Protein backbone atom coordinates (compact mmCIF):
# COMPACT_ATOMS: atom_id res chain seq x y z
CA MET A 1 5.88 18.82 91.14
CA LYS A 2 2.54 20.48 91.60
CA THR A 3 3.75 22.82 88.91
CA THR A 4 4.62 19.94 86.68
CA LEU A 5 1.49 18.16 87.47
CA ALA A 6 -0.24 21.32 86.69
CA LEU A 7 1.27 22.23 83.54
CA ILE A 8 0.68 18.51 81.88
CA ALA A 9 -2.44 18.38 82.74
CA LEU A 10 -2.79 22.15 80.98
CA LEU A 11 -1.28 20.56 77.72
CA ALA A 12 -3.86 17.57 78.17
CA ALA A 13 -6.86 20.13 77.80
CA SER A 14 -5.16 22.24 75.25
CA SER A 15 -4.69 19.18 73.45
CA VAL A 16 -8.35 17.53 73.30
CA ALA A 17 -9.69 21.09 72.99
CA CYS A 18 -7.62 21.34 69.24
CA SER A 19 -8.63 17.87 68.54
CA ASP A 20 -12.99 18.50 68.82
CA GLU A 21 -12.17 22.22 67.00
CA MET A 22 -10.52 20.28 63.96
CA ARG A 23 -13.60 18.27 63.08
CA SER A 24 -15.88 21.66 62.83
CA PRO A 25 -15.34 23.17 59.52
CA THR A 26 -16.59 26.45 61.48
CA ALA A 27 -13.70 26.38 63.85
CA SER A 28 -10.67 28.48 63.32
CA SER A 29 -8.22 25.95 63.92
CA ALA A 30 -9.99 24.47 60.73
CA SER A 31 -8.99 26.88 58.49
CA SER A 32 -5.77 26.17 59.40
CA THR A 33 -5.34 23.22 57.89
CA LEU A 34 -5.38 24.75 54.55
CA ASN A 35 -3.64 27.58 52.61
CA SER A 36 -5.38 30.90 52.18
CA THR A 37 -6.93 29.63 48.77
CA ALA A 38 -7.47 26.25 49.02
CA GLY A 39 -11.08 24.91 49.11
CA ILE A 40 -13.16 22.81 46.72
CA SER A 41 -15.85 23.53 44.12
CA ILE A 42 -18.94 21.01 42.72
CA SER A 43 -20.32 20.40 39.70
CA PRO A 44 -23.33 20.60 39.63
CA ALA A 45 -23.95 23.61 41.85
CA ALA A 46 -27.71 23.12 41.26
CA HIS A 47 -29.93 20.26 40.38
CA PRO A 48 -33.90 19.76 40.35
CA TRP A 49 -34.60 17.17 43.91
CA ASN A 50 -36.77 14.78 41.52
CA SER A 51 -33.83 12.84 40.43
CA SER A 52 -30.48 11.47 41.52
CA PHE A 53 -27.46 12.92 40.05
CA VAL A 54 -23.32 12.41 40.37
CA LEU A 55 -21.54 15.15 41.98
CA THR A 56 -18.21 16.12 41.26
CA VAL A 57 -16.03 17.66 43.68
CA THR A 58 -12.48 19.48 42.40
CA ALA A 59 -10.04 20.33 45.22
CA ILE A 60 -8.84 23.80 44.39
CA ASP A 61 -4.85 24.91 45.41
CA GLN A 62 -4.84 21.30 47.58
CA VAL A 63 -4.94 17.43 46.64
CA PHE A 64 -7.61 15.37 47.97
CA PRO A 65 -5.15 12.85 50.10
CA ALA A 66 -6.36 8.81 50.33
CA GLY A 67 -9.04 8.15 52.61
CA ALA A 68 -10.92 11.79 51.37
CA HIS A 69 -14.49 11.53 51.51
CA ILE A 70 -17.87 13.45 50.76
CA GLU A 71 -20.25 14.76 53.48
CA ILE A 72 -23.75 15.73 52.66
CA ASN A 73 -25.66 17.54 55.65
CA GLY A 74 -23.33 15.32 57.66
CA ALA A 75 -24.78 12.10 55.82
CA LEU A 76 -21.80 10.08 54.20
CA PRO A 77 -22.42 9.04 50.52
CA ALA A 78 -20.36 6.38 49.26
CA THR A 79 -17.49 8.53 47.63
CA THR A 80 -15.24 7.30 44.63
CA ARG A 81 -12.03 8.92 44.47
CA ILE A 82 -11.62 9.79 40.93
CA ASP A 83 -7.93 10.90 41.31
CA THR A 84 -5.94 13.54 43.69
CA MET A 85 -7.93 16.10 42.47
CA HIS A 86 -11.26 14.74 41.88
CA LEU A 87 -14.22 12.83 44.07
CA SER A 88 -17.41 11.92 42.95
CA CYS A 89 -20.60 10.48 44.58
CA THR A 90 -24.14 9.75 44.05
CA VAL A 91 -27.00 12.10 45.31
CA PRO A 92 -30.30 10.65 45.78
CA SER A 93 -33.62 12.18 44.54
CA GLY A 94 -35.48 14.34 47.44
CA GLN A 95 -37.86 13.66 49.61
CA THR A 96 -38.43 16.79 51.29
CA TYR A 97 -40.47 17.68 47.69
CA SER A 98 -39.47 21.24 48.22
CA PRO A 99 -35.82 23.24 47.33
CA SER A 100 -32.69 23.12 50.01
CA THR A 101 -29.67 24.08 50.24
CA ASP A 102 -27.26 21.44 51.59
CA SER A 103 -23.99 21.77 52.67
CA VAL A 104 -21.33 19.63 51.11
CA GLU A 105 -17.83 19.01 52.76
CA VAL A 106 -14.73 17.08 52.20
CA TRP A 107 -13.13 15.55 54.83
CA ALA A 108 -10.01 13.24 55.51
CA GLY A 109 -9.82 11.68 58.62
CA GLU A 110 -9.93 14.82 61.33
CA LEU A 111 -8.67 17.06 58.73
CA TYR A 112 -11.43 19.23 56.95
CA LEU A 113 -10.94 19.94 53.15
CA GLY A 114 -13.49 22.68 52.11
CA LEU A 115 -17.12 23.40 51.84
CA ALA A 116 -19.44 24.59 49.30
CA ASN A 117 -23.01 24.82 48.92
CA LEU A 118 -25.56 22.29 46.69
CA GLU A 119 -28.69 24.21 45.57
CA LEU A 120 -32.10 21.62 45.12
CA THR A 121 -34.05 23.13 43.18
CA ASN A 122 -37.61 22.35 42.08
CA PRO A 123 -38.19 20.51 39.02
CA PRO A 124 -40.85 21.69 36.20
CA ALA A 125 -44.20 20.30 37.60
CA GLY A 126 -45.24 17.14 35.31
CA PRO A 127 -48.60 16.41 33.27
CA TYR A 128 -51.25 16.30 35.90
CA SER A 129 -55.13 15.82 35.79
CA VAL A 130 -57.90 18.03 37.82
CA SER A 131 -60.99 16.71 39.22
CA PRO A 132 -63.75 18.00 39.07
CA ALA A 133 -63.00 20.06 36.05
CA SER A 134 -65.70 22.30 36.02
CA ALA A 135 -67.81 24.24 38.36
CA ALA A 136 -70.93 25.58 38.73
CA LEU A 137 -72.08 29.32 39.32
CA GLY A 138 -73.46 30.37 42.31
CA ALA A 139 -72.01 27.05 44.11
CA GLY A 140 -70.25 27.05 47.32
CA ASP A 141 -66.61 26.53 47.84
CA THR A 142 -65.02 23.61 45.51
CA THR A 143 -62.25 21.50 46.08
CA LEU A 144 -60.35 20.75 43.37
CA THR A 145 -58.09 17.65 43.66
CA ILE A 146 -55.01 17.62 41.21
CA THR A 147 -52.92 14.29 40.20
CA GLY A 148 -49.64 14.74 38.30
CA GLN A 149 -45.88 14.25 38.57
CA ASP A 150 -43.20 15.89 40.40
CA LEU A 151 -45.29 18.20 42.61
CA ALA A 152 -43.66 20.50 45.02
CA ALA A 153 -44.74 21.03 48.25
CA ASN A 154 -45.32 24.64 47.73
CA VAL A 155 -46.97 23.93 44.04
CA GLN A 156 -48.77 27.05 42.87
CA VAL A 157 -52.28 26.61 41.46
CA SER A 158 -54.43 29.14 39.51
CA ILE A 159 -57.29 29.94 37.43
CA ASP A 160 -56.85 32.55 34.38
CA GLY A 161 -54.08 33.53 36.88
CA VAL A 162 -56.37 33.79 40.05
CA PRO A 163 -54.25 31.92 42.96
CA LEU A 164 -56.15 29.03 44.49
CA GLU A 165 -55.11 27.82 47.97
CA ALA A 166 -53.37 25.00 47.36
CA GLU A 167 -52.25 21.99 49.52
CA MET A 168 -50.40 18.61 49.19
CA THR A 169 -51.94 15.80 50.64
CA TYR A 170 -50.16 13.23 49.00
CA PRO A 171 -46.41 13.08 47.45
CA ALA A 172 -48.31 13.08 44.13
CA THR A 173 -51.90 14.98 44.99
CA VAL A 174 -52.66 18.64 45.67
CA THR A 175 -56.13 19.76 46.80
CA ALA A 176 -56.92 23.38 45.95
CA VAL A 177 -59.79 25.12 46.99
CA LEU A 178 -61.89 27.25 44.32
CA THR A 179 -64.17 29.52 46.86
CA ALA A 180 -67.81 30.82 45.86
CA ALA A 181 -66.22 34.42 45.38
CA GLN A 182 -63.82 33.28 42.86
CA ILE A 183 -66.04 31.16 41.13
CA THR A 184 -68.31 34.73 40.99
CA GLN A 185 -65.66 36.49 40.08
CA LEU A 186 -64.17 34.30 37.22
CA GLY A 187 -67.76 34.04 35.49
CA SER A 188 -69.14 31.50 33.24
CA GLY A 189 -67.57 30.12 30.40
CA PRO A 190 -64.35 28.38 29.54
CA HIS A 191 -61.34 29.09 31.77
CA THR A 192 -57.62 27.78 32.26
CA LEU A 193 -56.51 26.06 35.19
CA THR A 194 -52.37 26.39 35.78
CA VAL A 195 -50.11 24.12 37.86
CA LEU A 196 -46.40 25.60 38.49
CA ASN A 197 -43.68 24.81 40.85
CA PRO A 198 -42.42 27.90 41.94
CA ALA A 199 -38.62 29.22 41.52
CA PRO A 200 -35.70 28.22 42.23
CA GLY A 201 -36.09 26.31 39.05
CA GLY A 202 -39.78 25.55 38.83
CA GLY A 203 -42.14 26.19 35.70
CA GLY A 204 -44.60 23.30 33.94
CA PRO A 205 -46.71 22.11 31.75
CA ALA A 206 -49.13 24.32 29.75
CA GLY A 207 -52.65 24.60 31.62
CA THR A 208 -55.73 22.77 31.17
CA PRO A 209 -59.50 23.52 30.64
CA PHE A 210 -61.61 24.66 33.39
CA THR A 211 -65.24 25.32 32.88
CA ILE A 212 -67.74 27.56 34.99
CA HIS A 213 -71.35 26.62 34.04
C-alpha cells in the first residue's frame, strides 16, 4: 500500500512539473510540442517606435489552431486569426522613445507555437526649433532648448560636428548644453546645429542655422 501511494504521489508531481514547463518557451518540453522545423515568422520584422502598425505572424511547418493568439513581451494584443497559417494584431506606438527588441510569441492555450524578435527602431527626428538660436563669444555655458517631433531619448545634438551633451526633459523637448569651451572652439560666425536620432533607424532633417557673435 505504501509503495502504491508513493507511486501515485510521484506521478502527480511529475504531471504538475510538466504542465508548468509547457507554458515556458525556454523549457525543453515546450520544444517537444513542435516538430524540429516548426516555428513562426513576422512581418514587418522591424518598425519605428513612433507609430502603430499591423503585425502579421506566419506559421512555419505547422498550422495555427482555433484559439491561437499573439503575445508581445507577455502582453496580449487583440489577435485576428486570418486563416490557419496567419495571425495578426495591432502594435501600438511606443512610449519609451527608444529602440528595443520585443519578444513575439504564439500560444494556443498551453501549447507553445513559436517565438520571433520584433525590432522597434528609432524614427528620423522630425522638424524642430531651437532657442536661443545664438550664443555670445566669451559667454559661459549656454543651455539650448530644442522642441520637435519624434525625438528619441538618446537623440544626438551637435554644432558643426561638435557634440553637445543632450537630455530629454519632456517627450518633445530636449535640452543641450553648449559649453564655454565649445563656444571658443567654434568661434564667431554662422554655424549649423543638427539634431539626429541614432541607429537603429534614426536620422533627421537638415541642420538649422546657429550663430556665435
